[in-house]
Amino acid sequence: MAQVLYIILGLIAGVLSGMLGIGGGIVLIPALVFIFGLTQHQAQGTTLALMVPPIGLLAALRYYQGGNVKLGMAGFICIGFFVGGLLGANLVQDLSEPLLRKGFAIFLLFVSLRMLFAKT
């Protein structure tokens, strides 16, 4: 039964990602913490682990077909993400659970307020 719920969560995250261009972590991390009871570290690690296979390939292909993908830019960002992901993962391993969760929440709040009050 849990596997079905995981698939439903993946579908919801995938639909929102495809529609809004959001990273799945914005949906997945809070859901894994508050619905499935994972720690913040476990939720972030699990979300990173599911990004290993090309899960966004079909959505990215559709955006590419619509002329909405800058491949060169994406390639360079991938290089940075590859190294940066390791650096970030190393940095948070010793943070306390409450501090990590609050940091994640502050980041989401900042992004949402910035987008809400942007002039364009």
C-alpha atoms as a PDB file:
ATOM      1  CA  MET A   1       0.000   0.000   0.000  1.00  0.00           C
ATOM      2  CA  ALA A   2       2.836   2.425   0.809  1.00  0.00           C
ATOM      3  CA  GLN A   3       4.239   1.958  -2.696  1.00  0.00           C
ATOM      4  CA  VAL A   4       0.969   3.209  -4.201  1.00  0.00           C
ATOM      5  CA  LEU A   5       1.137   6.332  -2.033  1.00  0.00           C
ATOM      6  CA  TYR A   6       4.741   6.904  -3.132  1.00  0.00           C
ATOM      7  CA  ILE A   7       3.679   6.661  -6.779  1.00  0.00           C
ATOM      8  CA  ILE A   8       0.813   9.107  -6.178  1.00  0.00           C
ATOM      9  CA  LEU A   9       3.244  11.534  -4.529  1.00  0.00           C
ATOM     10  CA  GLY A  10       5.583  11.152  -7.504  1.00  0.00           C
ATOM     11  CA  LEU A  11       2.724  11.835  -9.906  1.00  0.00           C
ATOM     12  CA  ILE A  12       1.718  14.975  -8.033  1.00  0.00           C
ATOM     13  CA  ALA A  13       5.319  16.211  -7.892  1.00  0.00           C
ATOM     14  CA  GLY A  14       5.816  15.364 -11.563  1.00  0.00           C
ATOM     15  CA  VAL A  15       2.667  17.164 -12.687  1.00  0.00           C
ATOM     16  CA  LEU A  16       3.554  20.269 -10.695  1.00  0.00           C
ATOM     17  CA  SER A  17       7.130  20.126 -11.940  1.00  0.00           C
ATOM     18  CA  GLY A  18       6.002  19.822 -15.539  1.00  0.00           C
ATOM     19  CA  MET A  19       3.418  22.576 -15.170  1.00  0.00           C
ATOM     20  CA  LEU A  20       5.374  25.076 -13.098  1.00  0.00           C
ATOM     21  CA  GLY A  21       8.985  24.154 -13.762  1.00  0.00           C
ATOM     22  CA  ILE A  22       9.558  23.669 -10.042  1.00  0.00           C
ATOM     23  CA  GLY A  23      12.051  21.255  -8.642  1.00  0.00           C
ATOM     24  CA  GLY A  24      10.331  18.233  -7.210  1.00  0.00           C
ATOM     25  CA  GLY A  25      11.910  18.960  -3.852  1.00  0.00           C
ATOM     26  CA  ILE A  26       9.503  21.815  -3.218  1.00  0.00           C
ATOM     27  CA  VAL A  27       6.701  19.253  -3.168  1.00  0.00           C
ATOM     28  CA  LEU A  28       8.549  16.097  -2.194  1.00  0.00           C
ATOM     29  CA  ILE A  29      10.527  17.255   0.825  1.00  0.00           C
ATOM     30  CA  PRO A  30       7.574  18.686   2.775  1.00  0.00           C
ATOM     31  CA  ALA A  31       5.429  15.664   1.856  1.00  0.00           C
ATOM     32  CA  LEU A  32       8.098  13.183   2.935  1.00  0.00           C
ATOM     33  CA  VAL A  33       8.547  15.003   6.252  1.00  0.00           C
ATOM     34  CA  PHE A  34       4.938  15.791   7.151  1.00  0.00           C
ATOM     35  CA  ILE A  35       3.035  12.920   5.527  1.00  0.00           C
ATOM     36  CA  PHE A  36       5.527  10.057   5.545  1.00  0.00           C
ATOM     37  CA  GLY A  37       7.396  10.962   8.744  1.00  0.00           C
ATOM     38  CA  LEU A  38      10.935  11.159   7.363  1.00  0.00           C
ATOM     39  CA  THR A  39      13.491  13.391   9.006  1.00  0.00           C
ATOM     40  CA  GLN A  40      14.572  16.467   7.078  1.00  0.00           C
ATOM     41  CA  HIS A  41      17.895  14.769   6.272  1.00  0.00           C
ATOM     42  CA  GLN A  42      16.119  11.621   5.047  1.00  0.00           C
ATOM     43  CA  ALA A  43      13.672  13.624   2.934  1.00  0.00           C
ATOM     44  CA  GLN A  44      16.425  15.620   1.281  1.00  0.00           C
ATOM     45  CA  GLY A  45      18.574  12.537   0.692  1.00  0.00           C
ATOM     46  CA  THR A  46      15.648  10.562  -0.710  1.00  0.00           C
ATOM     47  CA  THR A  47      14.711  13.406  -3.045  1.00  0.00           C
ATOM     48  CA  LEU A  48      18.285  13.659  -4.295  1.00  0.00           C
ATOM     49  CA  ALA A  49      18.416   9.883  -4.796  1.00  0.00           C
ATOM     50  CA  LEU A  50      15.334   9.891  -6.987  1.00  0.00           C
ATOM     51  CA  MET A  51      16.869  12.591  -9.190  1.00  0.00           C
ATOM     52  CA  VAL A  52      19.688  10.227 -10.203  1.00  0.00           C
ATOM     53  CA  PRO A  53      17.775   8.565 -13.039  1.00  0.00           C
ATOM     54  CA  PRO A  54      16.579  10.903 -15.779  1.00  0.00           C
ATOM     55  CA  ILE A  55      13.139  11.408 -14.224  1.00  0.00           C
ATOM     56  CA  GLY A  56      12.551  14.729 -15.920  1.00  0.00           C
ATOM     57  CA  LEU A  57      13.555  13.461 -19.345  1.00  0.00           C
ATOM     58  CA  LEU A  58      10.070  13.278 -20.869  1.00  0.00           C
ATOM     59  CA  ALA A  59       9.009  16.660 -19.494  1.00  0.00           C
ATOM     60  CA  ALA A  60      12.287  18.230 -20.644  1.00  0.00           C
ATOM     61  CA  LEU A  61      11.825  16.664 -24.095  1.00  0.00           C
ATOM     62  CA  ARG A  62       8.401  18.267 -24.394  1.00  0.00           C
ATOM     63  CA  TYR A  63       9.809  21.664 -23.389  1.00  0.00           C
ATOM     64  CA  TYR A  64      12.644  21.132 -25.907  1.00  0.00           C
ATOM     65  CA  GLN A  65      10.137  20.386 -28.654  1.00  0.00           C
ATOM     66  CA  GLY A  66       8.443  23.669 -27.816  1.00  0.00           C
ATOM     67  CA  GLY A  67      11.747  25.526 -28.162  1.00  0.00           C
ATOM     68  CA  ASN A  68      11.967  26.195 -24.442  1.00  0.00           C
ATOM     69  CA  VAL A  69      15.231  24.502 -23.441  1.00  0.00           C
ATOM     70  CA  LYS A  70      18.659  26.117 -23.518  1.00  0.00           C
ATOM     71  CA  LEU A  71      20.802  22.983 -23.756  1.00  0.00           C
ATOM     72  CA  GLY A  72      24.179  24.703 -23.393  1.00  0.00           C
ATOM     73  CA  MET A  73      23.056  26.507 -20.267  1.00  0.00           C
ATOM     74  CA  ALA A  74      21.531  23.329 -18.847  1.00  0.00           C
ATOM     75  CA  GLY A  75      24.770  21.425 -19.434  1.00  0.00           C
ATOM     76  CA  PHE A  76      26.866  23.944 -17.522  1.00  0.00           C
ATOM     77  CA  ILE A  77      24.323  24.110 -14.699  1.00  0.00           C
ATOM     78  CA  CYS A  78      24.489  20.291 -14.511  1.00  0.00           C
ATOM     79  CA  ILE A  79      28.247  20.466 -14.010  1.00  0.00           C
ATOM     80  CA  GLY A  80      27.819  22.943 -11.175  1.00  0.00           C
ATOM     81  CA  PHE A  81      24.948  20.971  -9.659  1.00  0.00           C
ATOM     82  CA  PHE A  82      26.986  17.769  -9.790  1.00  0.00           C
ATOM     83  CA  VAL A  83      29.801  19.263  -7.720  1.00  0.00           C
ATOM     84  CA  GLY A  84      27.604  21.597  -5.674  1.00  0.00           C
ATOM     85  CA  GLY A  85      25.311  18.752  -4.655  1.00  0.00           C
ATOM     86  CA  LEU A  86      28.214  16.924  -3.077  1.00  0.00           C
ATOM     87  CA  LEU A  87      29.447  20.070  -1.343  1.00  0.00           C
ATOM     88  CA  GLY A  88      25.981  20.862  -0.003  1.00  0.00           C
ATOM     89  CA  ALA A  89      25.396  17.298   1.155  1.00  0.00           C
ATOM     90  CA  ASN A  90      28.687  17.400   3.058  1.00  0.00           C
ATOM     91  CA  LEU A  91      27.779  20.706   4.691  1.00  0.00           C
ATOM     92  CA  VAL A  92      24.402  19.624   6.104  1.00  0.00           C
ATOM     93  CA  GLN A  93      25.291  16.224   7.537  1.00  0.00           C
ATOM     94  CA  ASP A  94      26.210  17.644  10.930  1.00  0.00           C
ATOM     95  CA  LEU A  95      23.412  20.221  11.155  1.00  0.00           C
ATOM     96  CA  SER A  96      20.679  19.571  13.670  1.00  0.00           C
ATOM     97  CA  GLU A  97      17.294  18.473  12.374  1.00  0.00           C
ATOM     98  CA  PRO A  98      15.485  21.640  13.574  1.00  0.00           C
ATOM     99  CA  LEU A  99      18.109  23.943  12.088  1.00  0.00           C
ATOM    100  CA  LEU A 100      18.019  22.184   8.712  1.00  0.00           C
ATOM    101  CA  ARG A 101      14.208  22.227   8.599  1.00  0.00           C
ATOM    102  CA  LYS A 102      14.093  25.915   9.509  1.00  0.00           C
ATOM    103  CA  GLY A 103      16.709  26.727   6.892  1.00  0.00           C
ATOM    104  CA  PHE A 104      14.670  24.932   4.239  1.00  0.00           C
ATOM    105  CA  ALA A 105      11.507  26.754   5.333  1.00  0.00           C
ATOM    106  CA  ILE A 106      13.230  30.155   5.264  1.00  0.00           C
ATOM    107  CA  PHE A 107      14.521  29.439   1.768  1.00  0.00           C
ATOM    108  CA  LEU A 108      11.015  28.545   0.530  1.00  0.00           C
ATOM    109  CA  LEU A 109       9.546  31.618   2.230  1.00  0.00           C
ATOM    110  CA  PHE A 110      12.152  33.900   0.677  1.00  0.00           C
ATOM    111  CA  VAL A 111      11.550  32.481  -2.806  1.00  0.00           C
ATOM    112  CA  SER A 112       7.773  32.709  -2.476  1.00  0.00           C
ATOM    113  CA  LEU A 113       7.857  36.310  -1.233  1.00  0.00           C
ATOM    114  CA  ARG A 114      10.307  37.315  -3.947  1.00  0.00           C
ATOM    115  CA  MET A 115       8.076  35.832  -6.643  1.00  0.00           C
ATOM    116  CA  LEU A 116       4.897  37.227  -5.104  1.00  0.00           C
ATOM    117  CA  PHE A 117       6.174  40.802  -4.936  1.00  0.00           C
ATOM    118  CA  ALA A 118       8.334  40.876  -8.090  1.00  0.00           C
ATOM    119  CA  LYS A 119       7.544  43.821 -10.352  1.00  0.00           C
ATOM    120  CA  THR A 120       7.537  41.784 -13.557  1.00  0.00           C
END
